[in-house]
N, C-alpha and C. Protein backbone atom coordinates (compact mmCIF):
# COMPACT_ATOMS: atom_id res chain seq x y z
N MET A 1 14.65 -17.70 4.33
CA MET A 1 15.20 -17.19 5.57
C MET A 1 16.09 -15.99 5.25
N SER A 2 16.15 -15.09 6.17
CA SER A 2 16.98 -13.90 6.01
C SER A 2 17.96 -13.83 7.17
N ASN A 3 19.20 -13.47 6.86
CA ASN A 3 20.18 -13.35 7.94
C ASN A 3 20.37 -11.89 8.35
N LEU A 4 19.44 -11.04 7.96
CA LEU A 4 19.49 -9.64 8.35
C LEU A 4 18.90 -9.45 9.74
N SER A 5 19.39 -8.45 10.44
CA SER A 5 18.80 -8.08 11.73
C SER A 5 17.46 -7.41 11.46
N ALA A 6 16.65 -7.25 12.49
CA ALA A 6 15.36 -6.57 12.34
C ALA A 6 15.56 -5.17 11.77
N GLU A 7 16.55 -4.45 12.26
CA GLU A 7 16.83 -3.09 11.77
C GLU A 7 17.22 -3.11 10.29
N GLU A 8 18.03 -4.08 9.88
CA GLU A 8 18.44 -4.17 8.48
C GLU A 8 17.26 -4.53 7.57
N LYS A 9 16.35 -5.37 8.05
CA LYS A 9 15.15 -5.71 7.28
C LYS A 9 14.30 -4.47 7.05
N LEU A 10 14.12 -3.67 8.10
CA LEU A 10 13.33 -2.45 7.97
C LEU A 10 14.02 -1.44 7.05
N THR A 11 15.34 -1.36 7.12
CA THR A 11 16.09 -0.47 6.24
C THR A 11 15.90 -0.89 4.78
N LEU A 12 15.94 -2.19 4.51
CA LEU A 12 15.72 -2.70 3.15
C LEU A 12 14.33 -2.32 2.66
N PHE A 13 13.31 -2.54 3.47
CA PHE A 13 11.94 -2.23 3.05
C PHE A 13 11.75 -0.72 2.89
N ASP A 14 12.29 0.07 3.81
CA ASP A 14 12.18 1.53 3.69
C ASP A 14 12.89 2.02 2.42
N ARG A 15 14.02 1.44 2.10
CA ARG A 15 14.73 1.79 0.85
C ARG A 15 13.85 1.49 -0.35
N HIS A 16 13.18 0.35 -0.32
CA HIS A 16 12.27 -0.06 -1.40
C HIS A 16 11.13 0.95 -1.55
N VAL A 17 10.45 1.29 -0.46
CA VAL A 17 9.30 2.21 -0.51
C VAL A 17 9.76 3.61 -0.94
N ASN A 18 10.86 4.08 -0.38
CA ASN A 18 11.35 5.41 -0.75
C ASN A 18 11.70 5.47 -2.23
N ALA A 19 12.28 4.41 -2.77
CA ALA A 19 12.60 4.37 -4.20
C ALA A 19 11.31 4.42 -5.04
N GLU A 20 10.27 3.72 -4.59
CA GLU A 20 8.98 3.79 -5.29
C GLU A 20 8.49 5.23 -5.35
N LEU A 21 8.50 5.90 -4.20
CA LEU A 21 7.99 7.27 -4.11
C LEU A 21 8.83 8.26 -4.90
N GLU A 22 10.14 8.01 -4.98
CA GLU A 22 11.05 8.91 -5.69
C GLU A 22 11.11 8.63 -7.18
N GLY A 23 10.45 7.57 -7.63
CA GLY A 23 10.47 7.25 -9.05
C GLY A 23 11.72 6.52 -9.50
N ASP A 24 12.41 5.86 -8.57
CA ASP A 24 13.66 5.17 -8.86
C ASP A 24 13.39 3.68 -9.07
N LEU A 25 13.06 3.33 -10.31
CA LEU A 25 12.72 1.95 -10.63
C LEU A 25 13.91 1.01 -10.41
N ALA A 26 15.11 1.44 -10.78
CA ALA A 26 16.29 0.57 -10.63
C ALA A 26 16.51 0.18 -9.17
N THR A 27 16.42 1.15 -8.27
CA THR A 27 16.61 0.84 -6.84
C THR A 27 15.44 0.01 -6.32
N THR A 28 14.23 0.33 -6.75
CA THR A 28 13.07 -0.48 -6.33
C THR A 28 13.31 -1.94 -6.68
N MET A 29 13.70 -2.20 -7.90
CA MET A 29 13.88 -3.59 -8.35
C MET A 29 15.13 -4.23 -7.74
N ALA A 30 16.13 -3.44 -7.40
CA ALA A 30 17.34 -3.98 -6.77
C ALA A 30 17.06 -4.56 -5.39
N THR A 31 15.96 -4.12 -4.76
CA THR A 31 15.61 -4.66 -3.45
C THR A 31 14.84 -5.97 -3.55
N MET A 32 14.44 -6.35 -4.77
CA MET A 32 13.57 -7.52 -4.97
C MET A 32 14.39 -8.77 -5.30
N SER A 33 13.81 -9.92 -5.00
CA SER A 33 14.43 -11.20 -5.33
C SER A 33 14.34 -11.45 -6.84
N GLU A 34 14.91 -12.56 -7.29
CA GLU A 34 14.89 -12.89 -8.71
C GLU A 34 13.50 -13.27 -9.21
N HIS A 35 12.63 -13.76 -8.32
CA HIS A 35 11.27 -14.14 -8.73
C HIS A 35 10.27 -13.61 -7.70
N PRO A 36 10.08 -12.29 -7.67
CA PRO A 36 9.15 -11.72 -6.70
C PRO A 36 7.71 -11.78 -7.21
N HIS A 37 6.79 -11.52 -6.31
CA HIS A 37 5.42 -11.27 -6.74
C HIS A 37 4.84 -10.15 -5.89
N LEU A 38 3.85 -9.48 -6.46
CA LEU A 38 3.21 -8.34 -5.83
C LEU A 38 1.72 -8.44 -6.13
N VAL A 39 0.91 -8.30 -5.09
CA VAL A 39 -0.53 -8.26 -5.32
C VAL A 39 -1.16 -7.21 -4.42
N SER A 40 -1.86 -6.28 -5.06
CA SER A 40 -2.73 -5.33 -4.36
C SER A 40 -4.07 -6.04 -4.27
N VAL A 41 -4.36 -6.62 -3.13
CA VAL A 41 -5.44 -7.59 -3.00
C VAL A 41 -6.80 -7.08 -3.48
N PRO A 42 -7.26 -5.88 -3.08
CA PRO A 42 -8.60 -5.46 -3.51
C PRO A 42 -8.78 -5.31 -5.02
N THR A 43 -7.69 -4.98 -5.74
CA THR A 43 -7.80 -4.76 -7.19
C THR A 43 -7.10 -5.84 -8.00
N MET A 44 -6.37 -6.72 -7.35
CA MET A 44 -5.57 -7.77 -7.97
C MET A 44 -4.50 -7.20 -8.89
N ALA A 45 -4.12 -5.95 -8.70
CA ALA A 45 -3.04 -5.34 -9.48
C ALA A 45 -1.71 -5.85 -8.95
N GLY A 46 -0.74 -5.98 -9.82
CA GLY A 46 0.59 -6.41 -9.41
C GLY A 46 1.26 -7.22 -10.49
N GLY A 47 1.99 -8.23 -10.09
CA GLY A 47 2.69 -9.07 -11.05
C GLY A 47 3.31 -10.27 -10.38
N ASP A 48 3.67 -11.25 -11.21
CA ASP A 48 4.33 -12.46 -10.74
C ASP A 48 5.59 -12.67 -11.57
N GLY A 49 6.73 -12.67 -10.93
CA GLY A 49 8.00 -12.79 -11.63
C GLY A 49 8.64 -11.42 -11.81
N PHE A 50 9.94 -11.43 -11.97
CA PHE A 50 10.69 -10.18 -12.00
C PHE A 50 10.18 -9.22 -13.07
N GLN A 51 9.99 -9.72 -14.31
CA GLN A 51 9.59 -8.83 -15.40
C GLN A 51 8.18 -8.29 -15.20
N GLU A 52 7.24 -9.12 -14.75
CA GLU A 52 5.87 -8.64 -14.52
C GLU A 52 5.83 -7.60 -13.41
N VAL A 53 6.57 -7.84 -12.32
CA VAL A 53 6.62 -6.87 -11.23
C VAL A 53 7.25 -5.57 -11.72
N LYS A 54 8.35 -5.69 -12.46
CA LYS A 54 9.01 -4.50 -13.01
C LYS A 54 8.05 -3.73 -13.92
N ASP A 55 7.35 -4.43 -14.81
CA ASP A 55 6.40 -3.78 -15.71
C ASP A 55 5.29 -3.08 -14.94
N PHE A 56 4.79 -3.75 -13.88
CA PHE A 56 3.74 -3.13 -13.06
C PHE A 56 4.27 -1.85 -12.42
N TYR A 57 5.43 -1.95 -11.78
CA TYR A 57 6.00 -0.76 -11.15
C TYR A 57 6.22 0.36 -12.17
N GLN A 58 6.80 0.02 -13.30
CA GLN A 58 7.13 1.02 -14.31
C GLN A 58 5.89 1.68 -14.91
N ASN A 59 4.85 0.91 -15.16
CA ASN A 59 3.68 1.43 -15.86
C ASN A 59 2.54 1.89 -14.96
N HIS A 60 2.56 1.47 -13.69
CA HIS A 60 1.39 1.74 -12.85
C HIS A 60 1.70 2.27 -11.46
N LEU A 61 2.97 2.47 -11.10
CA LEU A 61 3.20 2.85 -9.72
C LEU A 61 4.41 3.76 -9.51
N VAL A 62 5.59 3.28 -9.80
CA VAL A 62 6.82 3.95 -9.36
C VAL A 62 6.96 5.33 -9.98
N GLY A 63 6.96 6.33 -9.10
CA GLY A 63 7.26 7.68 -9.50
C GLY A 63 6.20 8.47 -10.21
N LYS A 64 5.07 7.84 -10.54
CA LYS A 64 4.09 8.60 -11.30
C LYS A 64 2.65 8.39 -10.87
N PHE A 65 2.39 7.49 -10.00
CA PHE A 65 1.01 7.21 -9.66
C PHE A 65 0.71 7.36 -8.18
N PHE A 66 1.46 8.23 -7.54
CA PHE A 66 1.15 8.66 -6.18
C PHE A 66 0.79 10.14 -6.28
N PRO A 67 -0.35 10.54 -5.77
CA PRO A 67 -0.71 11.96 -5.83
C PRO A 67 0.27 12.81 -5.02
N PRO A 68 0.47 14.07 -5.43
CA PRO A 68 1.32 14.96 -4.65
C PRO A 68 0.79 15.06 -3.22
N GLY A 69 1.71 15.13 -2.27
CA GLY A 69 1.31 15.29 -0.88
C GLY A 69 0.83 14.02 -0.20
N ILE A 70 1.01 12.87 -0.84
CA ILE A 70 0.60 11.61 -0.20
C ILE A 70 1.35 11.47 1.12
N GLU A 71 0.64 10.98 2.13
CA GLU A 71 1.22 10.86 3.47
C GLU A 71 1.02 9.45 4.00
N PHE A 72 2.06 8.91 4.60
CA PHE A 72 2.00 7.60 5.24
C PHE A 72 2.14 7.82 6.74
N VAL A 73 1.14 7.42 7.51
CA VAL A 73 1.19 7.53 8.96
C VAL A 73 1.41 6.12 9.50
N GLN A 74 2.57 5.89 10.09
CA GLN A 74 2.91 4.57 10.63
C GLN A 74 2.03 4.25 11.83
N VAL A 75 1.40 3.09 11.81
CA VAL A 75 0.60 2.63 12.94
C VAL A 75 1.36 1.55 13.70
N SER A 76 1.82 0.53 12.98
CA SER A 76 2.58 -0.53 13.64
C SER A 76 3.47 -1.23 12.62
N ARG A 77 4.52 -1.85 13.14
CA ARG A 77 5.43 -2.66 12.33
C ARG A 77 5.80 -3.89 13.13
N THR A 78 5.72 -5.02 12.48
CA THR A 78 6.11 -6.28 13.09
C THR A 78 7.16 -6.91 12.19
N VAL A 79 8.29 -7.27 12.78
CA VAL A 79 9.38 -7.85 12.01
C VAL A 79 9.58 -9.28 12.48
N GLY A 80 9.43 -10.21 11.54
CA GLY A 80 9.66 -11.62 11.84
C GLY A 80 10.87 -12.13 11.09
N GLU A 81 11.10 -13.42 11.20
CA GLU A 81 12.26 -14.03 10.54
C GLU A 81 12.18 -13.89 9.02
N THR A 82 10.98 -14.09 8.46
CA THR A 82 10.85 -14.10 6.99
C THR A 82 9.87 -13.07 6.45
N GLN A 83 9.39 -12.17 7.31
CA GLN A 83 8.47 -11.17 6.80
C GLN A 83 8.38 -9.96 7.71
N ILE A 84 7.88 -8.88 7.12
CA ILE A 84 7.54 -7.65 7.83
C ILE A 84 6.06 -7.42 7.60
N VAL A 85 5.35 -7.02 8.64
CA VAL A 85 3.97 -6.61 8.49
C VAL A 85 3.91 -5.13 8.88
N ASP A 86 3.52 -4.32 7.92
CA ASP A 86 3.50 -2.87 8.09
C ASP A 86 2.05 -2.40 8.03
N GLU A 87 1.62 -1.70 9.06
CA GLU A 87 0.27 -1.13 9.10
C GLU A 87 0.41 0.38 9.06
N VAL A 88 -0.21 1.01 8.06
CA VAL A 88 -0.12 2.45 7.89
C VAL A 88 -1.50 3.03 7.57
N ILE A 89 -1.62 4.31 7.82
CA ILE A 89 -2.76 5.06 7.30
C ILE A 89 -2.21 5.83 6.11
N LEU A 90 -2.85 5.67 4.98
CA LEU A 90 -2.48 6.35 3.76
C LEU A 90 -3.44 7.52 3.58
N LYS A 91 -2.89 8.74 3.47
CA LYS A 91 -3.70 9.94 3.30
C LYS A 91 -3.30 10.61 2.00
N PHE A 92 -4.28 10.95 1.18
CA PHE A 92 -4.00 11.64 -0.07
C PHE A 92 -5.27 12.29 -0.59
N THR A 93 -5.09 13.18 -1.54
CA THR A 93 -6.22 13.71 -2.29
C THR A 93 -6.13 13.08 -3.67
N HIS A 94 -7.21 12.53 -4.15
CA HIS A 94 -7.23 11.78 -5.41
C HIS A 94 -7.15 12.75 -6.59
N THR A 95 -5.92 13.28 -6.81
CA THR A 95 -5.68 14.24 -7.88
C THR A 95 -4.92 13.64 -9.05
N ALA A 96 -4.62 12.34 -8.98
CA ALA A 96 -3.86 11.66 -10.03
C ALA A 96 -4.50 10.30 -10.28
N VAL A 97 -4.27 9.78 -11.45
CA VAL A 97 -4.71 8.43 -11.78
C VAL A 97 -3.94 7.46 -10.87
N MET A 98 -4.66 6.52 -10.27
CA MET A 98 -4.05 5.54 -9.37
C MET A 98 -4.53 4.15 -9.77
N ASP A 99 -3.96 3.64 -10.87
CA ASP A 99 -4.40 2.35 -11.40
C ASP A 99 -4.34 1.22 -10.39
N TRP A 100 -3.38 1.25 -9.49
CA TRP A 100 -3.21 0.17 -8.52
C TRP A 100 -4.32 0.17 -7.48
N MET A 101 -4.92 1.34 -7.17
CA MET A 101 -5.97 1.42 -6.16
C MET A 101 -7.35 1.68 -6.76
N LEU A 102 -7.41 2.55 -7.77
CA LEU A 102 -8.68 2.95 -8.38
C LEU A 102 -8.56 2.82 -9.91
N PRO A 103 -8.45 1.57 -10.39
CA PRO A 103 -8.25 1.38 -11.83
C PRO A 103 -9.41 1.96 -12.64
N ASN A 104 -9.05 2.62 -13.73
CA ASN A 104 -10.00 3.21 -14.68
C ASN A 104 -10.84 4.34 -14.09
N ILE A 105 -10.41 4.90 -12.97
CA ILE A 105 -11.15 5.99 -12.32
C ILE A 105 -10.34 7.28 -12.47
N PRO A 106 -10.87 8.27 -13.19
CA PRO A 106 -10.15 9.55 -13.28
C PRO A 106 -10.13 10.24 -11.92
N PRO A 107 -9.19 11.16 -11.72
CA PRO A 107 -9.10 11.86 -10.44
C PRO A 107 -10.43 12.51 -10.05
N THR A 108 -10.78 12.36 -8.78
CA THR A 108 -12.04 12.92 -8.25
C THR A 108 -11.79 14.16 -7.41
N ASN A 109 -10.52 14.43 -7.10
CA ASN A 109 -10.12 15.56 -6.23
C ASN A 109 -10.70 15.45 -4.83
N LYS A 110 -11.03 14.25 -4.39
CA LYS A 110 -11.57 14.03 -3.05
C LYS A 110 -10.47 13.52 -2.13
N PRO A 111 -10.52 13.91 -0.85
CA PRO A 111 -9.54 13.41 0.12
C PRO A 111 -9.87 11.97 0.51
N VAL A 112 -8.83 11.20 0.77
CA VAL A 112 -8.97 9.80 1.17
C VAL A 112 -8.03 9.53 2.33
N GLU A 113 -8.54 8.81 3.33
CA GLU A 113 -7.74 8.27 4.43
C GLU A 113 -8.11 6.81 4.54
N ILE A 114 -7.12 5.93 4.48
CA ILE A 114 -7.42 4.49 4.46
C ILE A 114 -6.33 3.71 5.20
N GLY A 115 -6.75 2.74 5.98
CA GLY A 115 -5.81 1.83 6.62
C GLY A 115 -5.30 0.84 5.59
N VAL A 116 -3.99 0.62 5.57
CA VAL A 116 -3.36 -0.29 4.63
C VAL A 116 -2.44 -1.22 5.41
N VAL A 117 -2.47 -2.50 5.07
CA VAL A 117 -1.55 -3.48 5.64
C VAL A 117 -0.73 -4.07 4.50
N VAL A 118 0.58 -4.05 4.68
CA VAL A 118 1.50 -4.61 3.69
C VAL A 118 2.26 -5.74 4.35
N ILE A 119 2.19 -6.90 3.75
CA ILE A 119 2.96 -8.05 4.22
C ILE A 119 4.09 -8.25 3.22
N VAL A 120 5.31 -8.14 3.72
CA VAL A 120 6.51 -8.17 2.89
C VAL A 120 7.29 -9.44 3.21
N GLY A 121 7.48 -10.29 2.20
CA GLY A 121 8.28 -11.50 2.37
C GLY A 121 9.75 -11.21 2.15
N LEU A 122 10.60 -11.89 2.92
CA LEU A 122 12.05 -11.70 2.84
C LEU A 122 12.74 -13.05 2.71
N GLU A 123 13.72 -13.08 1.80
CA GLU A 123 14.54 -14.29 1.64
C GLU A 123 15.87 -13.87 1.03
N ASN A 124 16.95 -14.40 1.57
CA ASN A 124 18.29 -14.09 1.06
C ASN A 124 18.52 -12.58 0.92
N ASN A 125 18.06 -11.84 1.91
CA ASN A 125 18.29 -10.39 2.00
C ASN A 125 17.62 -9.59 0.88
N LYS A 126 16.55 -10.14 0.32
CA LYS A 126 15.78 -9.46 -0.72
C LYS A 126 14.29 -9.60 -0.40
N ILE A 127 13.50 -8.74 -1.01
CA ILE A 127 12.04 -8.80 -0.86
C ILE A 127 11.51 -9.80 -1.88
N THR A 128 10.79 -10.80 -1.39
CA THR A 128 10.22 -11.83 -2.27
C THR A 128 8.80 -11.50 -2.70
N HIS A 129 8.09 -10.79 -1.85
CA HIS A 129 6.71 -10.45 -2.21
C HIS A 129 6.17 -9.32 -1.35
N GLU A 130 5.13 -8.71 -1.89
CA GLU A 130 4.33 -7.76 -1.14
C GLU A 130 2.86 -8.12 -1.37
N HIS A 131 2.13 -8.29 -0.29
CA HIS A 131 0.67 -8.47 -0.33
C HIS A 131 0.10 -7.23 0.34
N ILE A 132 -0.67 -6.45 -0.39
CA ILE A 132 -1.14 -5.16 0.10
C ILE A 132 -2.66 -5.21 0.22
N TYR A 133 -3.15 -4.92 1.44
CA TYR A 133 -4.57 -5.01 1.74
C TYR A 133 -5.12 -3.65 2.17
N TRP A 134 -6.34 -3.33 1.75
CA TRP A 134 -7.07 -2.17 2.24
C TRP A 134 -8.55 -2.40 2.00
N ASP A 135 -9.37 -1.58 2.63
CA ASP A 135 -10.83 -1.67 2.52
C ASP A 135 -11.27 -0.85 1.31
N GLN A 136 -11.47 -1.52 0.19
CA GLN A 136 -11.81 -0.83 -1.06
C GLN A 136 -13.16 -0.11 -0.97
N ALA A 137 -14.11 -0.67 -0.23
CA ALA A 137 -15.41 0.00 -0.09
C ALA A 137 -15.24 1.37 0.56
N SER A 138 -14.38 1.46 1.58
CA SER A 138 -14.15 2.76 2.23
C SER A 138 -13.50 3.76 1.27
N VAL A 139 -12.61 3.29 0.40
CA VAL A 139 -12.02 4.18 -0.60
C VAL A 139 -13.10 4.67 -1.56
N LEU A 140 -13.94 3.76 -2.04
CA LEU A 140 -14.98 4.13 -3.00
C LEU A 140 -15.98 5.11 -2.40
N VAL A 141 -16.30 4.96 -1.12
CA VAL A 141 -17.18 5.92 -0.44
C VAL A 141 -16.53 7.29 -0.45
N GLN A 142 -15.25 7.35 -0.11
CA GLN A 142 -14.57 8.64 0.03
C GLN A 142 -14.40 9.38 -1.30
N VAL A 143 -14.27 8.65 -2.40
CA VAL A 143 -14.13 9.33 -3.70
C VAL A 143 -15.48 9.52 -4.38
N GLY A 144 -16.57 9.15 -3.68
CA GLY A 144 -17.91 9.42 -4.20
C GLY A 144 -18.45 8.40 -5.18
N LEU A 145 -17.88 7.21 -5.21
CA LEU A 145 -18.33 6.19 -6.16
C LEU A 145 -19.21 5.12 -5.53
N LEU A 146 -19.41 5.19 -4.21
CA LEU A 146 -20.26 4.22 -3.52
C LEU A 146 -21.06 4.95 -2.45
N ASP A 147 -22.36 4.80 -2.49
CA ASP A 147 -23.24 5.40 -1.50
C ASP A 147 -23.30 4.46 -0.29
N PRO A 148 -22.84 4.92 0.87
CA PRO A 148 -22.80 4.04 2.03
C PRO A 148 -24.15 3.83 2.72
N THR A 149 -25.18 4.51 2.23
CA THR A 149 -26.50 4.39 2.86
C THR A 149 -26.92 2.92 2.88
N ASN A 150 -27.27 2.45 4.06
CA ASN A 150 -27.74 1.08 4.27
C ASN A 150 -26.69 0.01 3.94
N LEU A 151 -25.41 0.39 3.90
CA LEU A 151 -24.34 -0.58 3.67
C LEU A 151 -23.41 -0.58 4.87
N PRO A 152 -22.83 -1.71 5.20
CA PRO A 152 -21.90 -1.78 6.33
C PRO A 152 -20.49 -1.35 5.92
N VAL A 153 -20.36 -0.08 5.49
CA VAL A 153 -19.05 0.47 5.13
C VAL A 153 -18.83 1.76 5.90
N CYS A 154 -17.58 2.11 6.11
CA CYS A 154 -17.26 3.21 7.04
C CYS A 154 -16.72 4.47 6.40
N GLY A 155 -16.16 4.40 5.23
CA GLY A 155 -15.51 5.58 4.69
C GLY A 155 -14.29 5.94 5.52
N VAL A 156 -14.08 7.25 5.74
CA VAL A 156 -12.91 7.73 6.46
C VAL A 156 -12.92 7.29 7.93
N GLY A 157 -14.06 6.95 8.47
CA GLY A 157 -14.16 6.56 9.88
C GLY A 157 -13.29 5.38 10.25
N ALA A 158 -13.10 4.45 9.34
CA ALA A 158 -12.28 3.27 9.65
C ALA A 158 -10.83 3.66 9.93
N ALA A 159 -10.25 4.50 9.08
CA ALA A 159 -8.86 4.93 9.28
C ALA A 159 -8.74 5.74 10.57
N ARG A 160 -9.70 6.59 10.81
CA ARG A 160 -9.63 7.43 12.02
C ARG A 160 -9.78 6.60 13.29
N LYS A 161 -10.56 5.52 13.23
CA LYS A 161 -10.71 4.63 14.38
C LYS A 161 -9.40 3.90 14.68
N ILE A 162 -8.64 3.55 13.63
CA ILE A 162 -7.34 2.91 13.83
C ILE A 162 -6.43 3.84 14.63
N LEU A 163 -6.45 5.11 14.28
CA LEU A 163 -5.59 6.09 14.97
C LEU A 163 -6.13 6.49 16.33
N ASN A 164 -7.44 6.35 16.54
CA ASN A 164 -8.06 6.73 17.82
C ASN A 164 -9.10 5.68 18.20
N PRO A 165 -8.68 4.62 18.88
CA PRO A 165 -9.60 3.54 19.22
C PRO A 165 -10.79 3.97 20.07
N LYS A 166 -10.74 5.14 20.68
CA LYS A 166 -11.85 5.61 21.51
C LYS A 166 -13.04 6.10 20.68
N LEU A 167 -12.83 6.35 19.39
CA LEU A 167 -13.94 6.77 18.55
C LEU A 167 -15.01 5.69 18.54
N LYS A 168 -16.25 6.09 18.54
CA LYS A 168 -17.35 5.13 18.50
C LYS A 168 -17.76 4.83 17.07
N GLY A 169 -18.02 3.57 16.82
CA GLY A 169 -18.47 3.14 15.50
C GLY A 169 -19.98 3.12 15.45
N PRO A 170 -20.55 2.74 14.33
CA PRO A 170 -22.01 2.78 14.18
C PRO A 170 -22.75 1.77 15.06
N LEU A 171 -22.07 0.76 15.55
CA LEU A 171 -22.76 -0.26 16.36
C LEU A 171 -22.60 -0.01 17.86
N PHE A 172 -21.88 1.04 18.25
CA PHE A 172 -21.60 1.25 19.68
C PHE A 172 -22.06 2.59 20.16
């Protein structure tokens, strides 16, 4: 349980994300509980426990594994008693190694737009976990590693449909 207001919960999470983007590992970890876990669901990247999460952030994410010009477009935020659910569109050009999203894939210099959902657990005014979800097939199509011919995958269309529900999909 958290005794923070909804605004304070969002401030905590925003501080966490901003520290990740700025390369501030100490602040990133200061927002976390004593035994956090993190899982990037499509790739299973992350960690369990303070040291594993810290090692993951230090070696695979914080301050060095976001391409220049990465953009987060807020779609929705839901704040509950013990969690935040954040829905964003992530826009970037794959100009840097991104082990957390595209492990073992060198930069392709291709643009990517992808819907991402982050579920953030909260307890005692700290972040206990992050579960991060996205459509990996759509990412692979956009970077040229998956041919969508005859496959039920959307590529960039899925993210654009989230931002504009009036867009027609392949079945409509």
